[in-house]
């Protein structure tokens, strides 16, 4: 489902999503440069209980934050040349380790994402307003969980 959201509404979505997720949840963030993926992740991590300042893991591919209600693994796969390279950093260990994984630029590794994951897409709004984005959210691979997610984050029309 897709909606046009103001920045404060995107922050609210991130906070609600932080309360919705549980062990081994993967969140795939997709969007062009500057559409809000890292800002969303920072808001999500604070609501998730992470005490550290979230940094972009561009040069490390993944950073771990253990101070939240579950471990949070923040991936940035922008610099990968091939999707399979994600396995060189222990990707499977992270996504199956009882924590939550949030992956920026997830479209680059789309074929390597698990069967079930939350997909959040950010696009610049056609309205021309700088403080809003088109946001789409789906629960891939499980329609029942998608219905629960959309209800929980109040993302129905």
N, C-alpha and C. Protein backbone atom coordinates (compact mmCIF):
# COMPACT_ATOMS: atom_id res chain seq x y z
N UNK A 1 0.85 -1.17 0.00
CA UNK A 1 0.00 0.00 0.00
C UNK A 1 0.90 1.24 0.00
N UNK A 2 0.51 2.27 -0.74
CA UNK A 2 1.30 3.48 -0.90
C UNK A 2 0.51 4.69 -0.41
N UNK A 3 1.23 5.61 0.27
CA UNK A 3 0.63 6.86 0.74
C UNK A 3 1.63 7.99 0.59
N UNK A 4 1.11 9.21 0.51
CA UNK A 4 1.95 10.39 0.59
C UNK A 4 1.99 10.81 2.06
N UNK A 5 3.21 10.88 2.61
CA UNK A 5 3.37 11.20 4.03
C UNK A 5 4.28 12.40 4.23
N UNK A 6 3.94 13.22 5.19
CA UNK A 6 4.81 14.30 5.65
C UNK A 6 5.93 13.66 6.47
N UNK A 7 7.02 14.40 6.67
CA UNK A 7 8.15 13.85 7.42
C UNK A 7 7.74 13.39 8.82
N UNK A 8 6.89 14.17 9.51
CA UNK A 8 6.50 13.77 10.86
C UNK A 8 5.69 12.48 10.83
N UNK A 9 4.95 12.23 9.76
CA UNK A 9 4.19 10.98 9.63
C UNK A 9 5.12 9.80 9.35
N UNK A 10 6.20 10.06 8.62
CA UNK A 10 7.20 9.02 8.37
C UNK A 10 7.88 8.66 9.69
N UNK A 11 8.16 9.67 10.52
CA UNK A 11 8.73 9.40 11.85
C UNK A 11 7.78 8.54 12.68
N UNK A 12 6.50 8.83 12.63
CA UNK A 12 5.52 8.04 13.37
C UNK A 12 5.47 6.60 12.85
N UNK A 13 5.56 6.44 11.54
CA UNK A 13 5.59 5.11 10.95
C UNK A 13 6.80 4.33 11.46
N UNK A 14 7.96 4.97 11.50
CA UNK A 14 9.18 4.31 11.98
C UNK A 14 9.03 3.88 13.43
N UNK A 15 8.43 4.74 14.25
CA UNK A 15 8.23 4.42 15.68
C UNK A 15 7.27 3.24 15.84
N UNK A 16 6.18 3.24 15.09
CA UNK A 16 5.22 2.14 15.18
C UNK A 16 5.84 0.83 14.69
N UNK A 17 6.61 0.92 13.62
CA UNK A 17 7.25 -0.28 13.08
C UNK A 17 8.25 -0.84 14.10
N UNK A 18 8.95 0.03 14.82
CA UNK A 18 9.91 -0.41 15.84
C UNK A 18 9.21 -1.20 16.94
N UNK A 19 7.97 -0.89 17.22
CA UNK A 19 7.21 -1.63 18.23
C UNK A 19 6.56 -2.90 17.67
N UNK A 20 6.41 -2.96 16.37
CA UNK A 20 5.75 -4.10 15.72
C UNK A 20 6.70 -5.29 15.52
N UNK A 21 7.94 -5.02 15.18
CA UNK A 21 8.86 -6.09 14.78
C UNK A 21 9.24 -6.99 15.95
N UNK A 22 9.65 -8.21 15.59
CA UNK A 22 10.13 -9.16 16.58
C UNK A 22 11.37 -9.87 16.05
N UNK A 23 11.82 -10.89 16.76
CA UNK A 23 13.05 -11.59 16.39
C UNK A 23 13.07 -12.02 14.93
N UNK A 24 14.22 -11.83 14.32
CA UNK A 24 14.51 -12.25 12.94
C UNK A 24 13.69 -11.51 11.89
N UNK A 25 13.17 -10.35 12.23
CA UNK A 25 12.49 -9.53 11.24
C UNK A 25 13.53 -8.82 10.38
N UNK A 26 13.30 -8.81 9.09
CA UNK A 26 14.14 -8.08 8.15
C UNK A 26 13.30 -6.96 7.55
N UNK A 27 13.84 -5.75 7.58
CA UNK A 27 13.19 -4.59 6.98
C UNK A 27 14.05 -4.13 5.82
N UNK A 28 13.49 -4.15 4.63
CA UNK A 28 14.19 -3.76 3.42
C UNK A 28 13.77 -2.34 3.04
N UNK A 29 14.73 -1.42 3.09
CA UNK A 29 14.46 -0.03 2.73
C UNK A 29 14.97 0.23 1.32
N UNK A 30 14.09 0.81 0.51
CA UNK A 30 14.40 1.06 -0.90
C UNK A 30 14.05 2.51 -1.21
N UNK A 31 14.93 3.18 -1.93
CA UNK A 31 14.66 4.55 -2.34
C UNK A 31 15.92 5.22 -2.85
N UNK A 32 15.73 6.24 -3.64
CA UNK A 32 16.85 7.00 -4.18
C UNK A 32 17.60 7.73 -3.07
N UNK A 33 18.76 8.21 -3.40
CA UNK A 33 19.57 9.00 -2.49
C UNK A 33 18.77 10.20 -1.99
N UNK A 34 18.74 10.38 -0.69
CA UNK A 34 18.07 11.54 -0.10
C UNK A 34 16.58 11.39 0.13
N UNK A 35 16.03 10.21 -0.06
CA UNK A 35 14.59 10.04 0.13
C UNK A 35 14.21 9.76 1.58
N UNK A 36 15.19 9.46 2.44
CA UNK A 36 14.88 9.33 3.85
C UNK A 36 15.16 7.99 4.51
N UNK A 37 15.90 7.12 3.85
CA UNK A 37 16.16 5.79 4.41
C UNK A 37 16.93 5.86 5.72
N UNK A 38 18.00 6.64 5.75
CA UNK A 38 18.81 6.73 6.97
C UNK A 38 18.06 7.46 8.07
N UNK A 39 17.34 8.52 7.74
CA UNK A 39 16.54 9.24 8.73
C UNK A 39 15.50 8.31 9.33
N UNK A 40 14.84 7.52 8.50
CA UNK A 40 13.87 6.54 8.97
C UNK A 40 14.53 5.56 9.93
N UNK A 41 15.71 5.07 9.56
CA UNK A 41 16.44 4.11 10.38
C UNK A 41 16.82 4.70 11.73
N UNK A 42 17.24 5.96 11.74
CA UNK A 42 17.60 6.62 13.00
C UNK A 42 16.39 6.74 13.93
N UNK A 43 15.26 7.13 13.37
CA UNK A 43 14.03 7.24 14.18
C UNK A 43 13.61 5.86 14.67
N UNK A 44 13.66 4.87 13.79
CA UNK A 44 13.33 3.49 14.15
C UNK A 44 14.21 3.03 15.30
N UNK A 45 15.52 3.25 15.20
CA UNK A 45 16.45 2.73 16.21
C UNK A 45 16.21 3.37 17.58
N UNK A 46 15.92 4.66 17.62
CA UNK A 46 15.63 5.31 18.90
C UNK A 46 14.38 4.71 19.53
N UNK A 47 13.33 4.54 18.73
CA UNK A 47 12.09 3.95 19.24
C UNK A 47 12.30 2.49 19.64
N UNK A 48 13.27 1.84 19.04
CA UNK A 48 13.60 0.44 19.32
C UNK A 48 14.44 0.31 20.59
N UNK A 49 14.89 1.45 21.12
CA UNK A 49 15.64 1.44 22.37
C UNK A 49 17.15 1.52 22.23
N UNK A 50 17.63 1.73 21.03
CA UNK A 50 19.08 1.82 20.81
C UNK A 50 19.58 3.12 21.44
N UNK A 51 20.60 2.99 22.28
CA UNK A 51 21.15 4.15 23.00
C UNK A 51 22.23 4.88 22.21
N UNK A 52 22.97 4.14 21.39
CA UNK A 52 24.06 4.74 20.61
C UNK A 52 23.50 5.62 19.50
N UNK A 53 24.33 6.56 19.03
CA UNK A 53 23.97 7.33 17.85
C UNK A 53 24.18 6.44 16.63
N UNK A 54 23.15 6.31 15.84
CA UNK A 54 23.22 5.47 14.66
C UNK A 54 24.09 6.15 13.61
N UNK A 55 25.02 5.39 13.04
CA UNK A 55 25.89 5.88 11.98
C UNK A 55 25.56 5.11 10.71
N UNK A 56 25.84 5.70 9.58
CA UNK A 56 25.63 5.00 8.33
C UNK A 56 26.76 3.99 8.15
N UNK A 57 26.43 2.72 7.91
CA UNK A 57 27.46 1.69 7.79
C UNK A 57 28.03 1.56 6.38
N UNK A 58 28.03 2.62 5.59
CA UNK A 58 28.41 2.54 4.19
C UNK A 58 29.74 1.82 3.97
N UNK A 59 30.73 2.09 4.79
CA UNK A 59 32.04 1.49 4.56
C UNK A 59 32.23 0.17 5.29
N UNK A 60 31.34 -0.18 6.20
CA UNK A 60 31.41 -1.45 6.93
C UNK A 60 30.37 -2.45 6.45
N UNK A 61 29.40 -2.03 5.71
CA UNK A 61 28.24 -2.80 5.25
C UNK A 61 27.23 -3.07 6.36
N UNK A 62 27.69 -3.36 7.57
CA UNK A 62 26.76 -3.63 8.66
C UNK A 62 27.35 -3.13 9.98
N UNK A 63 26.50 -2.52 10.80
CA UNK A 63 26.86 -2.13 12.15
C UNK A 63 25.87 -2.77 13.10
N UNK A 64 26.36 -3.19 14.25
CA UNK A 64 25.53 -3.86 15.26
C UNK A 64 25.24 -2.90 16.41
N UNK A 65 24.00 -2.91 16.86
CA UNK A 65 23.59 -2.13 18.03
C UNK A 65 22.88 -3.10 18.98
N UNK A 66 23.45 -3.24 20.18
CA UNK A 66 22.96 -4.26 21.10
C UNK A 66 22.21 -3.68 22.29
N UNK A 67 21.99 -2.36 22.32
CA UNK A 67 21.36 -1.73 23.48
C UNK A 67 19.84 -1.63 23.38
N UNK A 68 19.25 -2.04 22.28
CA UNK A 68 17.80 -1.98 22.11
C UNK A 68 17.11 -3.19 22.71
N UNK A 69 15.81 -3.31 22.47
CA UNK A 69 15.07 -4.43 23.05
C UNK A 69 15.47 -5.77 22.44
N UNK A 70 16.04 -5.73 21.24
CA UNK A 70 16.67 -6.87 20.58
C UNK A 70 17.91 -6.33 19.87
N UNK A 71 18.84 -7.18 19.48
CA UNK A 71 19.94 -6.68 18.66
C UNK A 71 19.41 -6.07 17.36
N UNK A 72 20.03 -4.97 16.95
CA UNK A 72 19.67 -4.32 15.68
C UNK A 72 20.89 -4.35 14.78
N UNK A 73 20.70 -4.88 13.58
CA UNK A 73 21.77 -4.96 12.59
C UNK A 73 21.40 -4.02 11.44
N UNK A 74 22.21 -2.99 11.28
CA UNK A 74 21.94 -1.95 10.29
C UNK A 74 22.88 -2.15 9.10
N UNK A 75 22.30 -2.55 7.99
CA UNK A 75 23.06 -2.79 6.76
C UNK A 75 22.91 -1.60 5.82
N UNK A 76 23.98 -1.31 5.09
CA UNK A 76 23.93 -0.38 3.96
C UNK A 76 24.70 -1.09 2.84
N UNK A 77 23.98 -1.55 1.83
CA UNK A 77 24.59 -2.38 0.79
C UNK A 77 24.81 -1.61 -0.52
N UNK A 78 24.83 -0.29 -0.42
CA UNK A 78 24.97 0.56 -1.61
C UNK A 78 26.20 0.22 -2.43
N UNK A 79 27.30 -0.10 -1.77
CA UNK A 79 28.57 -0.30 -2.47
C UNK A 79 28.78 -1.73 -2.98
N UNK A 80 27.85 -2.62 -2.76
CA UNK A 80 28.02 -3.99 -3.27
C UNK A 80 27.96 -3.99 -4.79
N UNK A 81 28.84 -4.76 -5.40
CA UNK A 81 28.82 -4.90 -6.86
C UNK A 81 27.85 -5.99 -7.31
N UNK A 82 27.77 -7.07 -6.51
CA UNK A 82 26.87 -8.17 -6.80
C UNK A 82 26.15 -8.57 -5.51
N UNK A 83 24.92 -8.96 -5.64
CA UNK A 83 24.10 -9.30 -4.48
C UNK A 83 24.73 -10.40 -3.63
N UNK A 84 25.38 -11.36 -4.27
CA UNK A 84 25.96 -12.50 -3.55
C UNK A 84 27.06 -12.06 -2.57
N UNK A 85 27.64 -10.89 -2.78
CA UNK A 85 28.70 -10.41 -1.89
C UNK A 85 28.21 -10.22 -0.46
N UNK A 86 26.91 -10.12 -0.27
CA UNK A 86 26.35 -9.92 1.06
C UNK A 86 26.70 -11.08 1.99
N UNK A 87 26.91 -12.26 1.43
CA UNK A 87 27.22 -13.43 2.25
C UNK A 87 28.64 -13.39 2.83
N UNK A 88 29.51 -12.59 2.23
CA UNK A 88 30.89 -12.47 2.71
C UNK A 88 30.98 -11.79 4.07
N UNK A 89 29.93 -11.09 4.47
CA UNK A 89 29.95 -10.40 5.78
C UNK A 89 29.10 -11.13 6.82
N UNK A 90 28.70 -12.35 6.51
CA UNK A 90 27.93 -13.13 7.48
C UNK A 90 26.45 -12.80 7.49
N UNK A 91 25.92 -12.38 6.37
CA UNK A 91 24.53 -11.96 6.22
C UNK A 91 23.54 -12.95 6.85
N UNK A 92 23.67 -14.23 6.51
CA UNK A 92 22.72 -15.23 7.03
C UNK A 92 22.78 -15.32 8.54
N UNK A 93 23.98 -15.20 9.11
CA UNK A 93 24.12 -15.23 10.56
C UNK A 93 23.38 -14.06 11.20
N UNK A 94 23.48 -12.89 10.60
CA UNK A 94 22.80 -11.72 11.15
C UNK A 94 21.28 -11.86 11.09
N UNK A 95 20.75 -12.23 9.93
CA UNK A 95 19.29 -12.23 9.78
C UNK A 95 18.61 -13.37 10.52
N UNK A 96 19.39 -14.34 10.97
CA UNK A 96 18.83 -15.47 11.70
C UNK A 96 19.34 -15.53 13.14
N UNK A 97 19.74 -14.40 13.70
CA UNK A 97 20.42 -14.37 14.99
C UNK A 97 19.54 -13.83 16.11
N UNK A 98 18.22 -13.80 15.91
CA UNK A 98 17.32 -13.35 16.97
C UNK A 98 17.17 -11.84 17.08
N UNK A 99 17.76 -11.11 16.16
CA UNK A 99 17.65 -9.66 16.18
C UNK A 99 16.76 -9.16 15.06
N UNK A 100 16.88 -7.87 14.80
CA UNK A 100 16.15 -7.23 13.71
C UNK A 100 17.19 -6.66 12.76
N UNK A 101 17.00 -6.91 11.47
CA UNK A 101 17.91 -6.38 10.45
C UNK A 101 17.19 -5.34 9.63
N UNK A 102 17.82 -4.18 9.48
CA UNK A 102 17.27 -3.13 8.63
C UNK A 102 18.31 -2.86 7.55
N UNK A 103 17.89 -2.96 6.30
CA UNK A 103 18.81 -2.95 5.16
C UNK A 103 18.50 -1.77 4.25
N UNK A 104 19.42 -0.82 4.19
CA UNK A 104 19.28 0.29 3.25
C UNK A 104 19.79 -0.14 1.88
N UNK A 105 19.13 0.33 0.82
CA UNK A 105 19.43 -0.03 -0.57
C UNK A 105 19.16 -1.51 -0.81
N UNK A 106 18.14 -2.05 -0.17
CA UNK A 106 17.83 -3.48 -0.23
C UNK A 106 17.52 -3.97 -1.65
N UNK A 107 17.13 -3.08 -2.52
CA UNK A 107 16.86 -3.48 -3.91
C UNK A 107 18.10 -4.10 -4.56
N UNK A 108 19.30 -3.73 -4.08
CA UNK A 108 20.54 -4.26 -4.64
C UNK A 108 20.68 -5.75 -4.34
N UNK A 109 20.13 -6.20 -3.21
CA UNK A 109 20.23 -7.62 -2.84
C UNK A 109 18.86 -8.29 -2.82
N UNK A 110 17.92 -7.76 -3.57
CA UNK A 110 16.53 -8.23 -3.50
C UNK A 110 16.41 -9.75 -3.65
N UNK A 111 17.19 -10.34 -4.55
CA UNK A 111 17.09 -11.79 -4.74
C UNK A 111 17.68 -12.57 -3.57
N UNK A 112 18.38 -11.92 -2.67
CA UNK A 112 18.97 -12.57 -1.50
C UNK A 112 18.17 -12.32 -0.21
N UNK A 113 17.10 -11.56 -0.30
CA UNK A 113 16.27 -11.29 0.87
C UNK A 113 15.52 -12.56 1.26
N UNK A 114 15.18 -12.70 2.55
CA UNK A 114 14.46 -13.92 2.97
C UNK A 114 13.07 -14.00 2.33
N UNK A 115 12.41 -15.12 2.52
CA UNK A 115 11.07 -15.33 1.95
C UNK A 115 10.06 -14.35 2.53
N UNK A 116 10.25 -13.99 3.80
CA UNK A 116 9.35 -13.03 4.45
C UNK A 116 10.17 -11.85 4.94
N UNK A 117 9.71 -10.65 4.60
CA UNK A 117 10.36 -9.43 5.07
C UNK A 117 9.42 -8.25 4.89
N UNK A 118 9.74 -7.18 5.58
CA UNK A 118 8.97 -5.94 5.44
C UNK A 118 9.69 -5.04 4.45
N UNK A 119 8.97 -4.61 3.44
CA UNK A 119 9.53 -3.76 2.40
C UNK A 119 8.96 -2.34 2.55
N UNK A 120 9.86 -1.36 2.64
CA UNK A 120 9.44 0.04 2.73
C UNK A 120 10.14 0.79 1.61
N UNK A 121 9.35 1.41 0.74
CA UNK A 121 9.89 2.13 -0.41
C UNK A 121 9.61 3.62 -0.22
N UNK A 122 10.66 4.43 -0.42
CA UNK A 122 10.56 5.89 -0.34
C UNK A 122 10.80 6.48 -1.72
N UNK A 123 9.92 7.40 -2.12
CA UNK A 123 10.07 8.10 -3.39
C UNK A 123 9.80 9.58 -3.17
N UNK A 124 10.44 10.41 -3.96
CA UNK A 124 10.13 11.83 -3.91
C UNK A 124 8.68 12.03 -4.32
N UNK A 125 8.01 12.95 -3.67
CA UNK A 125 6.60 13.23 -3.96
C UNK A 125 6.48 14.04 -5.24
N UNK A 126 5.44 13.76 -6.00
CA UNK A 126 5.17 14.52 -7.22
C UNK A 126 4.62 15.91 -6.93
N UNK A 127 4.23 16.16 -5.68
CA UNK A 127 3.64 17.45 -5.33
C UNK A 127 4.65 18.58 -5.36
N UNK A 128 5.94 18.21 -5.30
CA UNK A 128 6.97 19.24 -5.27
C UNK A 128 7.27 19.75 -3.87
N UNK A 129 6.54 19.28 -2.87
CA UNK A 129 6.79 19.69 -1.50
C UNK A 129 7.99 18.92 -0.96
N UNK A 130 8.91 19.66 -0.35
CA UNK A 130 10.14 19.05 0.17
C UNK A 130 9.91 18.21 1.41
N UNK A 131 8.82 18.45 2.15
CA UNK A 131 8.62 17.77 3.43
C UNK A 131 7.68 16.57 3.34
N UNK A 132 7.58 15.97 2.17
CA UNK A 132 6.76 14.77 2.05
C UNK A 132 7.36 13.80 1.04
N UNK A 133 7.01 12.54 1.22
CA UNK A 133 7.47 11.47 0.35
C UNK A 133 6.32 10.52 0.05
N UNK A 134 6.40 9.86 -1.08
CA UNK A 134 5.54 8.71 -1.35
C UNK A 134 6.17 7.55 -0.60
N UNK A 135 5.39 6.88 0.23
CA UNK A 135 5.91 5.75 1.01
C UNK A 135 5.00 4.55 0.76
N UNK A 136 5.64 3.44 0.47
CA UNK A 136 4.92 2.18 0.26
C UNK A 136 5.44 1.18 1.29
N UNK A 137 4.53 0.45 1.90
CA UNK A 137 4.94 -0.56 2.87
C UNK A 137 4.18 -1.85 2.57
N UNK A 138 4.92 -2.97 2.58
CA UNK A 138 4.35 -4.29 2.33
C UNK A 138 5.03 -5.30 3.24
N UNK A 139 4.33 -6.35 3.57
CA UNK A 139 4.95 -7.50 4.23
C UNK A 139 5.04 -8.57 3.16
N UNK A 140 6.22 -8.78 2.64
CA UNK A 140 6.42 -9.72 1.54
C UNK A 140 6.40 -11.15 2.09
N UNK A 141 5.65 -12.02 1.42
CA UNK A 141 5.67 -13.44 1.73
C UNK A 141 4.66 -13.92 2.75
N UNK A 142 3.84 -13.01 3.30
CA UNK A 142 2.87 -13.46 4.29
C UNK A 142 1.73 -12.43 4.36
N UNK A 143 0.64 -12.74 3.68
CA UNK A 143 -0.50 -11.80 3.61
C UNK A 143 -1.15 -11.56 4.97
N UNK A 144 -1.18 -12.59 5.82
CA UNK A 144 -1.76 -12.41 7.15
C UNK A 144 -0.94 -11.41 7.96
N UNK A 145 0.38 -11.56 7.93
CA UNK A 145 1.24 -10.63 8.65
C UNK A 145 1.18 -9.24 8.03
N UNK A 146 0.99 -9.17 6.72
CA UNK A 146 0.87 -7.87 6.08
C UNK A 146 -0.37 -7.14 6.59
N UNK A 147 -1.48 -7.85 6.72
CA UNK A 147 -2.71 -7.23 7.24
C UNK A 147 -2.49 -6.75 8.67
N UNK A 148 -1.83 -7.57 9.50
CA UNK A 148 -1.52 -7.17 10.87
C UNK A 148 -0.63 -5.93 10.89
N UNK A 149 0.39 -5.92 10.03
CA UNK A 149 1.31 -4.79 9.95
C UNK A 149 0.59 -3.51 9.55
N UNK A 150 -0.19 -3.56 8.49
CA UNK A 150 -0.87 -2.37 8.01
C UNK A 150 -1.85 -1.82 9.04
N UNK A 151 -2.51 -2.70 9.76
CA UNK A 151 -3.40 -2.27 10.84
C UNK A 151 -2.60 -1.63 11.98
N UNK A 152 -1.52 -2.29 12.37
CA UNK A 152 -0.72 -1.83 13.51
C UNK A 152 -0.10 -0.45 13.27
N UNK A 153 0.40 -0.23 12.06
CA UNK A 153 1.05 1.05 11.77
C UNK A 153 0.06 2.06 11.17
N UNK A 154 -1.21 1.67 11.15
CA UNK A 154 -2.27 2.56 10.65
C UNK A 154 -1.97 3.04 9.22
N UNK A 155 -1.77 2.05 8.36
CA UNK A 155 -1.41 2.36 6.97
C UNK A 155 -2.49 1.93 5.99
N UNK A 156 -3.71 1.93 6.45
CA UNK A 156 -4.85 1.61 5.58
C UNK A 156 -5.41 2.92 5.05
N UNK A 157 -6.15 2.82 3.96
CA UNK A 157 -6.80 4.03 3.41
C UNK A 157 -8.00 4.43 4.25
